[in-house]
Each structure stands twice: as structure tokens, then as C-alpha cells.
Amino acid sequence: MTLITEQNHSWVNGSPWQSQRQLTVHNPTNEEPIATVSIADNEAAAQALNAAQTCFDTLKQRPAQQRAEVLMRWYQLILDNEAVLAELMTKEQGKPLREAKAEVKYAAGFVQWFAEEARRAYGEVIPSHSSSHQLTTIKQPVGVVLGITPWNFPLAMITRKVAPAYAAGCPFILKPSEETPLSAIALVKLALQAGFEDGAFQVLVTDDAEALVAPLLASPVVRKLTFTGSTLVGKKLLAHSADTVKRASMELGGNAPFIVFSSADVEEAVAGLMVAKFRNGGQTCVAANRVFVHQDRQEAFTDALIEAVDKLVVGDGLESDTDIGPLINAKAKDKAQHLIEDALAQGAQRVYQGAAGAGHFMAPTILLDVTEKMDIYHQEIFAPVVSMIVFDDEQGVIRQANAVHEGLAAYFYSQDVSQIHRVAMALEYGMVGINEGAISNPVAPFGGVKQSGLGREGAKEGLQEFLETKYLCQKFLE
């Protein structure tokens, strides 16, 4: 291990914040403690605000090229520490080591992308209404940013926010999940090594998020809130941000439909579902939540899916043959088991259940004949559980797919070109995978519609979330 795994503290103004109160981080594989972290209090938050405000005066004046160079150094340091970061992530979050290594590259990809985008915060020259005036717009950083990130992708959810903020010239205060603070601490250390100014990226770890975040949301110094997490929490954060009218980006809950039409290639559809459902043990906001299968493909699809799922190995993420690690905690497992039991009690059939050990491990499960009256139809499962619904009509399945409050991601498989166009246009989701189960990458905009969020992350849109447009109207003097 390198120095990035030592000194497990919150980081304020470029230095570790040491306190008497400690948070213990546990390995979800065996519930053993792996580290203790100093907890940030309101004094730490106040100092972080002051440091960020001071840093903003400097950072916004930095040429974009300089910010880009710092980000490229951070990108390279993340890649240089791939093995350490991946092992750290597996220990505190539980995902298989090969998935953790893939996340390191994914996280670094956002840093690289926004290093390049930093130099492209273009303004415009507007055709004027008058020969005596010049009309232009310029882009300026929005200001100090507060970010709140989840535990399921503890590196990528941070770089996807911090990198564009820094590229735009905005200091960033991060409140990471209390389940996975070690990944956040490692990232801030690497950022400082790369040349981030002391107040440009700060990490506040807490076991009482509401108490820590409330004064930050109330402060006019914080001009932007970016959050990834549940819709319920996102609504509360938006309400608390209203008094100071903060800019907000919200990446909230999903309830992704995965539709297999009669023309679909069954083998390809099963392969896509294995990615869309079982990556990170089903603990993703874009995981396939409701699997709609046309009645002409139901038997073949179910048989092929059972065969594929039966090959999955559940176990310690550090073992080379592991495909699915533990769920993040006992509460997550209890929720998933309750959803399964409720569905079975209301008529669903359990057509497959794999093997899993004790503790937070959960066996891959396939349910058939799921209906809209069941809780599992309406809630994010966040577990390796497939809930299948058989359909026979294109328009009917589109109505079912859209008849939820969420609109983050959707997937469908078809070889009918006309159908592909119709369905892609009709699905009310921010992202649609067409004959593809893995849709997220740094160059494409990530985000949802309806109650799945506000704004976009990644792509050129991701930088704009941290920029304000200023209009300049100049009259030529005689």
C-alpha cells in the first residue's frame, strides 16, 4: 500500500482534519473493521467553506490550460495507483476486484475528458440588433460546489463531479458516503499531489449527514449542489437549497425497464441483461429493474438466462473467480429479501435461486410473473434479483415501461429497424440502451427525466453544469 491509504481523516484546506470522534469502516464481505476515519464537525465545515471561498478567488483566474494540466496529472496518478485503489474499493465496498479495476479506469476517464473540456468553455458572438452594439456571451464558474456521493461507485461518482467543477474553476466540498469514505480520501490525496489548490477539493466525512450538510446548504457561499442518491433524499436537499436558490444537479433513483421484443436476438439480450442487471451485484441506479419479455421469446429467454446466471460465483471480491460480491450492508439484504417475499406471496414464481454464503451475500434470483401490484415492480431492487413480466403488445409494454415516476435509464432489444425508431422515441427516459446493456461512459451525457433527476453529468453537458452564462452588451463609443 502507498501513502494514499494512510492518514484516514477528513481533509480541509489541504490538510488532514483530526478529531476525537471516529467512524469505523467495515468490509461488507466479513464485517471486519478495516479502518477508522476522523469525523468532520461543524467547525470543519465552516473552515472548509472559508477555504473554498478563498480558493475560488484564485481558481477562477487560473487559465483553463493550467487547470487542464492539473487534471491530467490527477488522471495519471489515478491510473498509476490502479491496483491500490481497486483493492481499497473492494475491501470497503465489496465489488469484485476486476470490477473495481474497471471502475478505476472509468473514474480516471472522467478526469481525462474534463481536462480536455476545460479549454472548451466557449462563449458566443450574437448577431446584433444594432450596428452600434456588440453582443457576446462568456462562461464563468458558478462558485463553490457542495457534492454528496453514494457508496456504489465510490470513485467514479466523485470524479464525475469534481473533475468538471475544477475544469470550470469551481472549488468542491465533498460529503462522501459513510460506507465508503476511504476511496474519497485516497482521491483527494492524489488530487493534492497533482497540484489542486488547498481549498479546491475538500472531503468531509461524517456519520450524521443531515447535521453536517444543513449549514452548508444554508450558506450563500455554496452556489451549487450536486447529488447522486435516492429520490427521497434528493427532494429534501432541493427543499433545503431553496432559500439560497442554489444551482442543482440531481442524479436520483431509477426503475429501468429492459424490454425483449419478439425480433430480439435472445443470446444478445441475455448477455446485455447480465451486464445491466448483475454488475456490482445489481447495486446500480441504471440496473435493469423490470424485465419485459415478449411471449414468443419468454421460454427461450428464461432458459438461456437461467443457464447464464447459474455460472455466476458469489463470494469475496478479492477472489479471482468472484462475479458478485456482498451487498453493502444487512439493511440492503433485508430490503431485497422483503421484496422477493412480497412478490412470491402475491403470485410471482421463483424459477431460479443460486447459492450464496451467510452475512451480506445474496443469491442471484429470477422471478417470473411479476405484476404491477407488487412492491418489487415499483422499487429499486439494488440486488442480484431479476423480476420478469411477459407481454404481447408493443404499445402496451411502452405504456407499462413509462408508467412510473422514474425516468433514468431504459434498455430494449429488437432487430426490427422501424420498431427500434418507434420505441427509442417513445420511452420516457434520459438514457436508452438499444441492443446494449452497458451505456455509461465519460463522453456521453448521464442523467434522467421526471423524478430521476436534474441536469447531466459527463460529456460536454457535464461542464456546463458548473458554468454561468454572462451576457455582455457593448455600445461602441463615437
Protein backbone atom coordinates (compact mmCIF):
# COMPACT_ATOMS: atom_id res chain seq x y z
CA MET A 1 0.00 0.00 0.00
CA THR A 2 1.15 3.56 -0.65
CA LEU A 3 0.66 6.71 1.37
CA ILE A 4 -2.81 7.25 -0.12
CA THR A 5 -4.13 4.53 2.21
CA GLU A 6 -2.65 6.14 5.32
CA GLN A 7 -3.90 9.08 7.41
CA ASN A 8 -7.62 8.35 7.17
CA HIS A 9 -9.07 11.74 8.01
CA SER A 10 -11.38 14.30 6.57
CA TRP A 11 -9.36 16.78 4.52
CA VAL A 12 -9.84 20.54 4.96
CA ASN A 13 -7.81 23.22 3.19
CA GLY A 14 -5.17 20.76 2.04
CA SER A 15 -4.57 19.15 5.43
CA PRO A 16 -6.00 16.21 7.41
CA TRP A 17 -8.70 17.18 9.89
CA GLN A 18 -8.09 15.19 13.05
CA SER A 19 -10.82 14.84 15.64
CA GLN A 20 -11.67 12.73 18.65
CA ARG A 21 -14.76 11.25 17.02
CA GLN A 22 -14.06 8.34 14.71
CA LEU A 23 -16.06 6.44 12.11
CA THR A 24 -15.21 2.78 11.63
CA VAL A 25 -15.27 1.42 8.08
CA HIS A 26 -16.21 -2.25 7.75
CA ASN A 27 -15.58 -4.75 4.99
CA PRO A 28 -19.06 -5.92 3.85
CA THR A 29 -17.61 -9.32 2.94
CA ASN A 30 -16.91 -10.29 6.55
CA GLU A 31 -17.98 -7.20 8.56
CA GLU A 32 -14.44 -6.83 9.88
CA PRO A 33 -13.21 -3.28 10.56
CA ILE A 34 -10.62 -2.12 8.03
CA ALA A 35 -10.01 1.49 9.10
CA THR A 36 -11.15 4.35 11.29
CA VAL A 37 -11.71 7.83 9.91
CA SER A 38 -11.74 11.14 11.74
CA ILE A 39 -15.20 12.69 11.54
CA ALA A 40 -15.69 16.27 10.41
CA ASP A 41 -17.79 18.51 12.66
CA ASN A 42 -19.43 21.88 12.04
CA GLU A 43 -16.13 23.64 12.72
CA ALA A 44 -14.52 21.61 9.95
CA ALA A 45 -17.40 22.51 7.64
CA ALA A 46 -17.02 26.21 8.46
CA GLN A 47 -13.30 26.10 7.76
CA ALA A 48 -13.92 24.23 4.53
CA LEU A 49 -16.36 26.95 3.44
CA ASN A 50 -13.82 29.67 4.17
CA ALA A 51 -11.07 27.79 2.37
CA ALA A 52 -13.27 27.17 -0.67
CA GLN A 53 -14.37 30.79 -0.85
CA THR A 54 -10.76 31.97 -0.65
CA CYS A 55 -9.69 29.41 -3.23
CA PHE A 56 -12.43 30.49 -5.62
CA ASP A 57 -10.91 33.96 -5.96
CA THR A 58 -7.69 32.32 -7.18
CA LEU A 59 -9.04 29.34 -9.08
CA LYS A 60 -11.42 31.29 -11.31
CA GLN A 61 -8.48 33.40 -12.50
CA ARG A 62 -6.39 30.35 -13.45
CA PRO A 63 -6.13 29.94 -17.23
CA ALA A 64 -8.09 26.95 -18.45
CA GLN A 65 -4.88 25.43 -19.78
CA GLN A 66 -3.39 25.35 -16.28
CA ARG A 67 -6.47 23.71 -14.82
CA ALA A 68 -6.36 21.17 -17.64
CA GLU A 69 -2.74 20.33 -16.87
CA VAL A 70 -3.55 19.73 -13.19
CA LEU A 71 -6.42 17.45 -14.13
CA MET A 72 -4.20 15.46 -16.49
CA ARG A 73 -1.71 14.92 -13.66
CA TRP A 74 -4.58 13.72 -11.44
CA TYR A 75 -5.71 11.39 -14.22
CA GLN A 76 -2.27 9.84 -14.49
CA LEU A 77 -1.90 9.46 -10.71
CA ILE A 78 -5.22 7.61 -10.53
CA LEU A 79 -4.06 5.20 -13.24
CA ASP A 80 -0.66 4.80 -11.57
CA ASN A 81 -2.43 3.75 -8.37
CA GLU A 82 -4.96 1.46 -10.05
CA ALA A 83 -4.04 -1.66 -8.06
CA VAL A 84 -4.12 0.12 -4.70
CA LEU A 85 -7.37 1.95 -5.41
CA ALA A 86 -9.09 -1.18 -6.71
CA GLU A 87 -8.14 -3.28 -3.70
CA LEU A 88 -9.18 -0.48 -1.34
CA MET A 89 -12.55 -0.22 -3.10
CA THR A 90 -13.17 -3.95 -2.98
CA LYS A 91 -12.41 -4.04 0.73
CA GLU A 92 -14.72 -1.16 1.68
CA GLN A 93 -17.47 -1.63 -0.92
CA GLY A 94 -17.35 -5.35 -1.74
CA LYS A 95 -17.43 -5.39 -5.55
CA PRO A 96 -15.24 -7.97 -7.35
CA LEU A 97 -11.68 -6.84 -7.90
CA ARG A 98 -11.95 -6.90 -11.70
CA GLU A 99 -15.00 -4.60 -11.49
CA ALA A 100 -13.08 -2.35 -9.11
CA LYS A 101 -10.18 -2.13 -11.57
CA ALA A 102 -12.65 -1.27 -14.32
CA GLU A 103 -14.10 1.48 -12.12
CA VAL A 104 -10.66 2.98 -11.55
CA LYS A 105 -10.28 3.36 -15.33
CA TYR A 106 -13.86 4.62 -15.61
CA ALA A 107 -13.24 7.20 -12.89
CA ALA A 108 -9.97 8.30 -14.49
CA GLY A 109 -11.78 8.64 -17.81
CA PHE A 110 -13.94 11.46 -16.45
CA VAL A 111 -10.83 13.31 -15.28
CA GLN A 112 -9.21 12.94 -18.69
CA TRP A 113 -12.37 14.04 -20.51
CA PHE A 114 -12.86 17.17 -18.43
CA ALA A 115 -9.18 18.04 -18.64
CA GLU A 116 -9.80 18.28 -22.37
CA GLU A 117 -13.14 20.07 -21.95
CA ALA A 118 -11.64 22.71 -19.63
CA ARG A 119 -10.36 24.56 -22.70
CA ARG A 120 -13.75 24.47 -24.41
CA ALA A 121 -15.92 26.66 -22.18
CA TYR A 122 -16.82 28.73 -25.20
CA GLY A 123 -18.90 31.88 -25.30
CA GLU A 124 -20.66 33.28 -28.36
CA VAL A 125 -20.88 36.36 -30.54
CA ILE A 126 -24.56 37.14 -31.12
CA PRO A 127 -25.70 38.88 -34.31
CA SER A 128 -26.55 42.33 -33.02
CA HIS A 129 -29.84 44.19 -33.17
CA SER A 130 -27.90 47.40 -33.86
CA SER A 131 -24.81 48.44 -35.81
CA SER A 132 -23.61 50.37 -32.76
CA HIS A 133 -23.60 47.40 -30.41
CA GLN A 134 -21.67 44.20 -29.96
CA LEU A 135 -23.46 41.35 -28.18
CA THR A 136 -21.45 38.49 -26.68
CA THR A 137 -21.69 35.84 -24.00
CA ILE A 138 -18.92 34.42 -21.85
CA LYS A 139 -18.86 31.46 -19.45
CA GLN A 140 -17.78 31.88 -15.83
CA PRO A 141 -17.60 29.39 -12.93
CA VAL A 142 -20.72 29.18 -10.80
CA GLY A 143 -18.80 29.24 -7.49
CA VAL A 144 -18.29 26.93 -4.53
CA VAL A 145 -19.83 23.47 -5.03
CA LEU A 146 -21.17 21.02 -2.45
CA GLY A 147 -21.20 17.42 -3.66
CA ILE A 148 -22.81 14.40 -1.99
CA THR A 149 -21.92 11.00 -3.42
CA PRO A 150 -23.07 7.38 -2.84
CA TRP A 151 -21.26 4.18 -1.95
CA ASN A 152 -21.94 2.03 -5.01
CA PHE A 153 -19.34 3.65 -7.28
CA PRO A 154 -17.13 5.38 -4.71
CA LEU A 155 -14.51 6.60 -7.19
CA ALA A 156 -16.43 7.32 -10.39
CA MET A 157 -19.28 9.22 -8.74
CA ILE A 158 -16.67 11.59 -7.30
CA THR A 159 -14.53 12.20 -10.38
CA ARG A 160 -17.66 12.67 -12.50
CA LYS A 161 -18.44 15.70 -10.32
CA VAL A 162 -15.09 17.05 -9.10
CA ALA A 163 -13.34 16.98 -12.49
CA PRO A 164 -15.85 19.22 -14.32
CA ALA A 165 -16.12 21.53 -11.31
CA TYR A 166 -12.34 22.04 -11.28
CA ALA A 167 -12.25 22.36 -15.07
CA ALA A 168 -14.79 25.18 -14.79
CA GLY A 169 -12.88 26.87 -11.93
CA CYS A 170 -15.13 25.85 -9.02
CA PRO A 171 -13.84 24.69 -5.60
CA PHE A 172 -15.52 21.49 -4.40
CA ILE A 173 -16.57 20.34 -0.91
CA LEU A 174 -17.40 16.63 -0.88
CA LYS A 175 -19.51 14.68 1.59
CA PRO A 176 -18.91 11.04 0.59
CA SER A 177 -20.94 8.09 1.80
CA GLU A 178 -20.05 6.97 5.31
CA GLU A 179 -19.91 3.42 3.90
CA THR A 180 -17.02 4.21 1.54
CA PRO A 181 -15.02 7.23 2.75
CA LEU A 182 -11.60 5.64 2.11
CA SER A 183 -11.91 5.90 -1.66
CA ALA A 184 -12.77 9.60 -1.36
CA ILE A 185 -9.82 10.23 0.94
CA ALA A 186 -7.46 8.47 -1.48
CA LEU A 187 -8.74 10.62 -4.35
CA VAL A 188 -8.26 13.91 -2.52
CA LYS A 189 -4.69 12.96 -1.64
CA LEU A 190 -3.93 12.22 -5.28
CA ALA A 191 -5.60 15.47 -6.34
CA LEU A 192 -3.36 17.44 -3.98
CA GLN A 193 -0.33 15.61 -5.33
CA ALA A 194 -1.46 16.59 -8.82
CA GLY A 195 -1.48 20.28 -7.90
CA PHE A 196 -5.01 21.05 -6.73
CA GLU A 197 -5.03 24.23 -4.65
CA ASP A 198 -5.60 23.63 -0.92
CA GLY A 199 -9.27 24.65 -0.93
CA ALA A 200 -10.11 23.31 -4.39
CA PHE A 201 -11.13 19.81 -3.26
CA GLN A 202 -12.02 19.06 0.37
CA VAL A 203 -13.56 15.94 1.92
CA LEU A 204 -15.84 15.98 4.95
CA VAL A 205 -16.59 12.53 6.40
CA THR A 206 -19.47 12.15 8.84
CA ASP A 207 -21.86 9.64 10.33
CA ASP A 208 -24.52 12.37 10.69
CA ALA A 209 -25.00 13.72 7.18
CA GLU A 210 -28.01 15.89 8.00
CA ALA A 211 -26.22 17.80 10.78
CA LEU A 212 -23.12 18.40 8.67
CA VAL A 213 -24.85 19.27 5.40
CA ALA A 214 -27.55 21.59 6.79
CA PRO A 215 -25.29 24.61 7.46
CA LEU A 216 -23.55 24.11 4.12
CA LEU A 217 -26.87 24.18 2.30
CA ALA A 218 -27.91 27.25 4.26
CA SER A 219 -24.73 29.14 3.38
CA PRO A 220 -24.84 31.59 0.47
CA VAL A 221 -21.18 30.75 -0.14
CA VAL A 222 -22.25 27.43 -1.66
CA ARG A 223 -23.67 28.27 -5.07
CA LYS A 224 -24.10 24.79 -6.48
CA LEU A 225 -25.32 21.42 -5.15
CA THR A 226 -24.62 18.17 -6.96
CA PHE A 227 -26.06 14.95 -5.55
CA THR A 228 -26.25 11.30 -6.53
CA GLY A 229 -28.57 9.15 -4.45
CA SER A 230 -32.17 8.36 -3.71
CA THR A 231 -35.06 10.46 -4.98
CA LEU A 232 -36.37 10.91 -1.44
CA VAL A 233 -33.12 12.42 -0.17
CA GLY A 234 -32.73 14.47 -3.33
CA LYS A 235 -36.11 16.12 -2.78
CA LYS A 236 -35.13 17.06 0.77
CA LEU A 237 -31.83 18.54 -0.39
CA LEU A 238 -33.61 20.60 -3.04
CA ALA A 239 -36.03 21.91 -0.45
CA HIS A 240 -33.19 22.95 1.86
CA SER A 241 -31.43 24.65 -1.06
CA ALA A 242 -34.42 26.78 -1.99
CA ASP A 243 -33.77 29.65 0.42
CA THR A 244 -30.44 30.44 -1.24
CA VAL A 245 -31.61 29.47 -4.75
CA LYS A 246 -28.68 27.20 -5.48
CA ARG A 247 -27.98 25.65 -8.85
CA ALA A 248 -28.62 21.92 -8.54
CA SER A 249 -27.70 18.73 -10.36
CA MET A 250 -29.59 15.64 -9.20
CA GLU A 251 -28.86 12.08 -10.30
CA LEU A 252 -31.62 10.23 -8.50
CA GLY A 253 -33.29 6.83 -8.41
CA GLY A 254 -34.15 4.63 -11.36
CA ASN A 255 -36.61 1.89 -12.26
CA ALA A 256 -35.14 0.77 -15.56
CA PRO A 257 -37.22 -1.35 -17.93
CA PHE A 258 -35.42 -3.97 -20.02
CA ILE A 259 -37.61 -4.98 -22.96
CA VAL A 260 -37.02 -8.06 -25.11
CA PHE A 261 -39.15 -7.85 -28.28
CA SER A 262 -40.12 -10.81 -30.45
CA SER A 263 -37.45 -10.00 -33.04
CA ALA A 264 -34.67 -9.82 -30.45
CA ASP A 265 -31.57 -11.98 -30.62
CA VAL A 266 -32.08 -13.96 -27.41
CA GLU A 267 -28.38 -14.65 -26.89
CA GLU A 268 -27.52 -10.97 -27.24
CA ALA A 269 -30.40 -9.95 -24.97
CA VAL A 270 -29.31 -12.32 -22.22
CA ALA A 271 -25.72 -11.08 -22.49
CA GLY A 272 -26.97 -7.49 -22.23
CA LEU A 273 -29.10 -8.26 -19.21
CA MET A 274 -26.19 -9.93 -17.43
CA VAL A 275 -24.39 -6.59 -17.60
CA ALA A 276 -27.39 -4.34 -16.99
CA LYS A 277 -28.62 -6.39 -14.02
CA PHE A 278 -25.68 -8.08 -12.30
CA ARG A 279 -22.88 -5.50 -12.50
CA ASN A 280 -21.98 -4.54 -8.93
CA GLY A 281 -24.42 -7.18 -7.72
CA GLY A 282 -27.35 -5.18 -9.09
CA GLN A 283 -26.43 -2.19 -6.94
CA THR A 284 -26.58 0.48 -9.63
CA CYS A 285 -29.11 3.20 -10.37
CA VAL A 286 -29.25 2.11 -14.01
CA ALA A 287 -29.71 -1.60 -13.22
CA ALA A 288 -32.46 -3.36 -15.15
CA ASN A 289 -35.31 -3.37 -12.65
CA ARG A 290 -38.26 -4.69 -14.67
CA VAL A 291 -37.54 -7.22 -17.41
CA PHE A 292 -40.34 -7.33 -20.00
CA VAL A 293 -40.12 -10.34 -22.34
CA HIS A 294 -42.37 -10.92 -25.35
CA GLN A 295 -44.43 -14.08 -25.01
CA ASP A 296 -42.80 -15.53 -28.16
CA ARG A 297 -39.37 -15.25 -26.54
CA GLN A 298 -40.23 -15.95 -22.91
CA GLU A 299 -39.33 -19.65 -22.77
CA ALA A 300 -36.11 -19.38 -24.76
CA PHE A 301 -35.05 -16.23 -22.90
CA THR A 302 -35.77 -17.70 -19.46
CA ASP A 303 -33.86 -20.90 -20.21
CA ALA A 304 -30.85 -19.01 -21.54
CA LEU A 305 -30.92 -16.58 -18.62
CA ILE A 306 -31.01 -19.38 -16.03
CA GLU A 307 -28.05 -21.03 -17.75
CA ALA A 308 -26.06 -17.77 -17.67
CA VAL A 309 -26.96 -16.84 -14.08
CA ASP A 310 -26.13 -20.33 -12.86
CA LYS A 311 -22.50 -19.69 -13.82
CA LEU A 312 -22.18 -16.66 -11.53
CA VAL A 313 -19.95 -17.08 -8.50
CA VAL A 314 -20.92 -15.21 -5.33
CA GLY A 315 -18.10 -14.58 -2.88
CA ASP A 316 -15.27 -12.41 -1.62
CA GLY A 317 -14.45 -9.77 -4.20
CA LEU A 318 -10.72 -10.33 -3.71
CA GLU A 319 -11.04 -13.89 -5.04
CA SER A 320 -10.25 -14.07 -8.76
CA ASP A 321 -13.29 -16.14 -9.73
CA THR A 322 -15.89 -13.98 -7.95
CA ASP A 323 -18.61 -12.42 -10.10
CA ILE A 324 -20.83 -10.97 -7.36
CA GLY A 325 -19.67 -9.67 -4.02
CA PRO A 326 -21.76 -8.91 -0.93
CA LEU A 327 -24.48 -6.33 -0.70
CA ILE A 328 -23.31 -3.21 1.07
CA ASN A 329 -24.94 -3.98 4.44
CA ALA A 330 -27.58 -6.02 6.25
CA LYS A 331 -30.27 -3.41 5.62
CA ALA A 332 -29.80 -3.75 1.86
CA LYS A 333 -30.14 -7.52 2.04
CA ASP A 334 -33.23 -7.33 4.25
CA LYS A 335 -34.88 -4.94 1.77
CA ALA A 336 -34.21 -7.24 -1.19
CA GLN A 337 -35.47 -10.30 0.65
CA HIS A 338 -38.64 -8.46 1.65
CA LEU A 339 -39.28 -7.53 -1.98
CA ILE A 340 -38.87 -11.16 -3.05
CA GLU A 341 -41.16 -12.46 -0.29
CA ASP A 342 -43.84 -9.89 -1.11
CA ALA A 343 -43.73 -10.84 -4.81
CA LEU A 344 -43.96 -14.57 -4.06
CA ALA A 345 -46.87 -14.00 -1.70
CA GLN A 346 -48.72 -12.20 -4.49
CA GLY A 347 -48.23 -14.84 -7.16
CA ALA A 348 -44.74 -14.47 -8.62
CA GLN A 349 -42.82 -17.66 -9.39
CA ARG A 350 -39.22 -18.15 -8.31
CA VAL A 351 -37.80 -20.02 -11.32
CA TYR A 352 -34.18 -19.83 -10.16
CA GLN A 353 -32.23 -19.22 -6.98
CA GLY A 354 -28.47 -19.64 -6.83
CA ALA A 355 -26.16 -20.21 -3.91
CA ALA A 356 -24.68 -17.65 -1.55
CA GLY A 357 -23.00 -17.63 1.82
CA ALA A 358 -24.13 -16.03 5.04
CA GLY A 359 -23.75 -12.39 6.03
CA HIS A 360 -24.39 -9.77 3.35
CA PHE A 361 -24.18 -12.19 0.44
CA MET A 362 -27.33 -12.71 -1.59
CA ALA A 363 -28.10 -15.49 -4.04
CA PRO A 364 -28.92 -14.49 -7.63
CA THR A 365 -32.67 -14.94 -8.09
CA ILE A 366 -35.05 -14.94 -11.06
CA LEU A 367 -38.76 -14.24 -10.56
CA LEU A 368 -41.43 -14.75 -13.22
CA ASP A 369 -44.98 -13.38 -13.43
CA VAL A 370 -44.18 -10.15 -11.59
CA THR A 371 -47.08 -7.68 -11.70
CA GLU A 372 -47.70 -4.01 -11.06
CA LYS A 373 -49.34 -4.75 -7.69
CA MET A 374 -46.04 -5.98 -6.25
CA ASP A 375 -43.56 -3.71 -4.44
CA ILE A 376 -40.67 -5.13 -6.48
CA TYR A 377 -42.22 -3.63 -9.61
CA HIS A 378 -42.07 -0.10 -8.21
CA GLN A 379 -38.93 -0.05 -6.05
CA GLU A 380 -35.26 -0.15 -6.97
CA ILE A 381 -34.20 -3.69 -6.10
CA PHE A 382 -30.45 -2.94 -5.72
CA ALA A 383 -29.67 -6.67 -5.56
CA PRO A 384 -29.00 -9.58 -7.97
CA VAL A 385 -32.71 -10.23 -8.49
CA VAL A 386 -34.40 -10.39 -11.91
CA SER A 387 -38.15 -9.63 -12.00
CA MET A 388 -39.74 -10.71 -15.28
CA ILE A 389 -43.03 -9.68 -16.89
CA VAL A 390 -44.40 -11.30 -20.05
CA PHE A 391 -46.06 -9.03 -22.66
CA ASP A 392 -47.61 -9.39 -26.11
CA ASP A 393 -48.10 -5.85 -27.42
CA GLU A 394 -45.59 -3.09 -28.29
CA GLN A 395 -47.76 -0.16 -27.31
CA GLY A 396 -48.84 -1.88 -24.12
CA VAL A 397 -45.29 -2.56 -22.95
CA ILE A 398 -44.25 1.01 -23.71
CA ARG A 399 -47.13 2.26 -21.55
CA GLN A 400 -46.04 -0.10 -18.76
CA ALA A 401 -42.42 0.94 -19.08
CA ASN A 402 -43.31 4.64 -18.87
CA ALA A 403 -45.96 4.38 -16.13
CA VAL A 404 -43.56 5.10 -13.26
CA HIS A 405 -42.25 8.28 -11.66
CA GLU A 406 -38.65 7.49 -12.57
CA GLY A 407 -37.03 8.10 -15.95
CA LEU A 408 -33.30 7.41 -15.69
CA ALA A 409 -32.32 4.51 -17.99
CA ALA A 410 -34.12 2.03 -20.22
CA TYR A 411 -33.00 -0.85 -22.41
CA PHE A 412 -34.59 -2.77 -25.25
CA TYR A 413 -33.61 -5.46 -27.71
CA SER A 414 -35.04 -5.67 -31.22
CA GLN A 415 -33.85 -6.35 -34.76
CA ASP A 416 -36.80 -4.53 -36.35
CA VAL A 417 -35.43 -1.19 -37.59
CA SER A 418 -38.81 0.55 -37.62
CA GLN A 419 -39.57 -0.72 -34.13
CA ILE A 420 -36.20 0.48 -32.87
CA HIS A 421 -37.02 4.00 -34.04
CA ARG A 422 -40.55 3.98 -32.59
CA VAL A 423 -39.57 2.63 -29.20
CA ALA A 424 -36.49 4.82 -28.82
CA MET A 425 -38.65 7.89 -29.40
CA ALA A 426 -41.46 6.71 -27.11
CA LEU A 427 -39.55 5.69 -23.98
CA GLU A 428 -39.62 8.49 -21.38
CA TYR A 429 -36.08 8.05 -20.11
CA GLY A 430 -32.94 10.17 -20.17
CA MET A 431 -30.80 7.29 -21.48
CA VAL A 432 -31.76 4.35 -23.68
CA GLY A 433 -29.63 1.31 -24.46
CA ILE A 434 -30.62 -0.22 -27.80
CA ASN A 435 -29.30 -3.78 -28.12
CA GLU A 436 -26.75 -2.77 -25.47
CA GLY A 437 -26.64 -3.31 -21.71
CA ALA A 438 -23.71 -1.03 -20.82
CA ILE A 439 -24.49 2.58 -21.66
CA SER A 440 -22.42 4.84 -19.41
CA ASN A 441 -19.12 6.40 -20.47
CA PRO A 442 -17.45 9.79 -19.94
CA VAL A 443 -18.17 11.13 -23.45
CA ALA A 444 -21.96 10.69 -23.20
CA PRO A 445 -24.42 12.69 -21.07
CA PHE A 446 -25.65 10.78 -18.00
CA GLY A 447 -28.92 11.73 -16.34
CA GLY A 448 -32.65 11.21 -16.15
CA VAL A 449 -36.05 12.82 -16.62
CA LYS A 450 -39.15 13.00 -14.43
CA GLN A 451 -38.23 12.24 -10.79
CA SER A 452 -34.89 10.70 -11.72
CA GLY A 453 -33.04 13.95 -11.71
CA LEU A 454 -31.98 17.35 -12.98
CA GLY A 455 -29.08 18.11 -15.28
CA ARG A 456 -26.48 15.86 -16.87
CA GLU A 457 -23.06 14.52 -15.95
CA GLY A 458 -20.29 13.60 -18.36
CA ALA A 459 -19.99 14.80 -21.97
CA LYS A 460 -19.89 18.49 -22.87
CA GLU A 461 -23.10 18.97 -20.84
CA GLY A 462 -21.26 17.98 -17.67
CA LEU A 463 -19.02 21.05 -17.83
CA GLN A 464 -21.94 23.40 -18.44
CA GLU A 465 -23.49 22.36 -15.11
CA PHE A 466 -20.70 24.31 -13.36
CA LEU A 467 -20.72 27.40 -15.57
CA GLU A 468 -22.85 30.53 -15.66
CA THR A 469 -23.58 32.37 -18.91
CA LYS A 470 -22.88 36.10 -18.75
CA TYR A 471 -24.28 38.31 -21.48
CA LEU A 472 -22.25 41.42 -22.48
CA CYS A 473 -23.93 44.26 -24.36
CA GLN A 474 -21.32 46.77 -25.51
CA LYS A 475 -22.19 50.06 -27.20
CA PHE A 476 -19.47 51.49 -29.40
CA LEU A 477 -18.44 54.97 -28.40
CA GLU A 478 -18.24 57.73 -31.03
